[in-house]
Amino acid sequence: METDQDFLSWTEFNRVEMRVGTVLEVNDFPQAKKPAYQLTIDFGTEIGIRKTSAQITHKYQKEDLLNRQIVAVVNFPKKQIANFMSECLVLGAIEKGGEVVLLSPDFKVENGLRIG
């Protein structure tokens, strides 16, 4: 049963900066513990270019990700993953087997638009 403690406040939700970005570059990430890609993503002029790693190799080929718009959280602190610094968190639905299906807009939109 849900309690008031289970819910986020609107203030908490508004602090999460989910933004649309376009994948500019995709590289293999052999140093990662689990198969992953290193992504370079353009979030527009306000936020700029950010890098991240994503465990999405089961569903996506590198060429499928180039120029694809995705949704990511851009206001998490940077995180060291092996020899790579992750600067945002790509969002996706996690299937029962652990495979990730990326979240993305249905239509091309301006990079940096906020999800709300």
Protein backbone atom coordinates (compact mmCIF):
# COMPACT_ATOMS: atom_id res chain seq x y z
CA MET A 1 0.00 0.00 0.00
CA GLU A 2 1.29 3.46 -0.89
CA THR A 3 1.89 6.08 1.77
CA ASP A 4 2.63 9.76 1.45
CA GLN A 5 6.31 8.86 1.92
CA ASP A 6 6.22 6.87 -1.37
CA PHE A 7 5.41 9.95 -3.46
CA LEU A 8 7.77 12.59 -4.77
CA SER A 9 6.84 16.18 -4.18
CA TRP A 10 6.50 18.45 -7.20
CA THR A 11 9.60 20.28 -5.97
CA GLU A 12 11.60 17.03 -5.99
CA PHE A 13 10.36 16.08 -9.47
CA ASN A 14 11.16 19.54 -10.86
CA ARG A 15 14.78 19.16 -9.73
CA VAL A 16 15.30 16.24 -12.17
CA GLU A 17 16.60 17.73 -15.43
CA MET A 18 15.47 15.29 -18.12
CA ARG A 19 16.48 16.66 -21.51
CA VAL A 20 16.41 15.58 -25.15
CA GLY A 21 19.75 15.18 -26.89
CA THR A 22 21.12 13.85 -30.16
CA VAL A 23 23.77 11.13 -30.18
CA LEU A 24 26.82 12.46 -32.06
CA GLU A 25 29.30 9.65 -31.47
CA VAL A 26 29.19 6.00 -30.34
CA ASN A 27 32.25 4.00 -29.31
CA ASP A 28 32.79 0.55 -27.86
CA PHE A 29 33.66 0.52 -24.15
CA PRO A 30 35.77 -2.63 -23.59
CA GLN A 31 36.86 -1.51 -20.07
CA ALA A 32 33.25 -1.62 -18.76
CA LYS A 33 32.30 -4.57 -16.53
CA LYS A 34 29.22 -5.26 -18.67
CA PRO A 35 28.98 -4.66 -22.45
CA ALA A 36 28.42 -0.95 -23.03
CA TYR A 37 28.90 1.93 -25.44
CA GLN A 38 30.40 5.34 -24.78
CA LEU A 39 28.03 8.00 -26.14
CA THR A 40 28.66 11.65 -26.95
CA ILE A 41 25.37 13.56 -26.87
CA ASP A 42 24.46 17.11 -27.95
CA PHE A 43 21.98 18.75 -25.54
CA GLY A 44 21.89 22.12 -27.31
CA THR A 45 23.50 25.47 -26.59
CA GLU A 46 22.36 25.81 -22.94
CA ILE A 47 23.78 22.45 -21.77
CA GLY A 48 26.23 21.55 -24.52
CA ILE A 49 27.90 18.23 -25.27
CA ARG A 50 27.92 15.50 -22.61
CA LYS A 51 29.38 12.00 -22.52
CA THR A 52 28.00 8.88 -20.90
CA SER A 53 28.17 5.13 -21.05
CA ALA A 54 25.14 2.94 -21.60
CA GLN A 55 24.59 -0.81 -21.37
CA ILE A 56 22.50 -0.96 -24.54
CA THR A 57 24.59 -3.24 -26.75
CA HIS A 58 21.99 -6.06 -26.80
CA LYS A 59 19.29 -3.97 -28.49
CA TYR A 60 21.27 -1.36 -30.44
CA GLN A 61 24.06 -1.34 -32.99
CA LYS A 62 26.38 1.68 -33.05
CA GLU A 63 25.08 2.85 -36.43
CA ASP A 64 21.46 2.73 -35.12
CA LEU A 65 22.33 5.21 -32.38
CA LEU A 66 24.08 7.87 -34.46
CA ASN A 67 21.90 10.99 -34.89
CA ARG A 68 19.16 9.40 -32.74
CA GLN A 69 17.45 11.61 -30.20
CA ILE A 70 17.31 10.21 -26.67
CA VAL A 71 16.25 11.37 -23.20
CA ALA A 72 18.76 11.71 -20.38
CA VAL A 73 19.08 13.18 -16.90
CA VAL A 74 21.72 15.92 -17.10
CA ASN A 75 21.95 17.12 -13.49
CA PHE A 76 23.46 14.09 -11.77
CA PRO A 77 27.03 14.44 -10.51
CA LYS A 78 29.71 13.06 -12.81
CA LYS A 79 30.54 9.39 -12.22
CA GLN A 80 33.79 7.55 -12.96
CA ILE A 81 33.14 4.28 -14.80
CA ALA A 82 36.39 2.39 -15.40
CA ASN A 83 38.63 4.90 -17.24
CA PHE A 84 35.68 7.04 -18.40
CA MET A 85 33.80 9.96 -16.80
CA SER A 86 30.02 9.78 -17.27
CA GLU A 87 28.32 13.20 -17.35
CA CYS A 88 24.64 12.26 -17.72
CA LEU A 89 22.28 9.29 -17.42
CA VAL A 90 20.50 7.98 -20.52
CA LEU A 91 16.95 6.84 -19.71
CA GLY A 92 15.30 3.65 -20.86
CA ALA A 93 12.80 0.98 -19.96
CA ILE A 94 14.48 -2.06 -18.40
CA GLU A 95 13.07 -5.36 -19.58
CA LYS A 96 12.94 -8.51 -17.40
CA GLY A 97 16.20 -9.78 -18.87
CA GLY A 98 17.93 -6.48 -18.04
CA GLU A 99 17.97 -5.19 -21.63
CA VAL A 100 17.32 -1.48 -22.02
CA VAL A 101 14.94 0.14 -24.53
CA LEU A 102 15.84 3.82 -24.87
CA LEU A 103 13.33 6.61 -24.31
CA SER A 104 13.10 9.02 -27.20
CA PRO A 105 10.67 11.57 -28.65
CA ASP A 106 8.30 10.45 -31.43
CA PHE A 107 9.29 13.45 -33.54
CA LYS A 108 12.55 15.36 -33.96
CA VAL A 109 12.68 18.23 -31.49
CA GLU A 110 15.22 20.86 -30.48
CA ASN A 111 18.15 19.49 -28.50
CA GLY A 112 17.98 20.47 -24.85
CA LEU A 113 14.20 20.54 -24.54
CA ARG A 114 13.15 19.62 -21.02
CA ILE A 115 10.95 16.64 -20.28
CA GLY A 116 8.27 17.50 -17.77
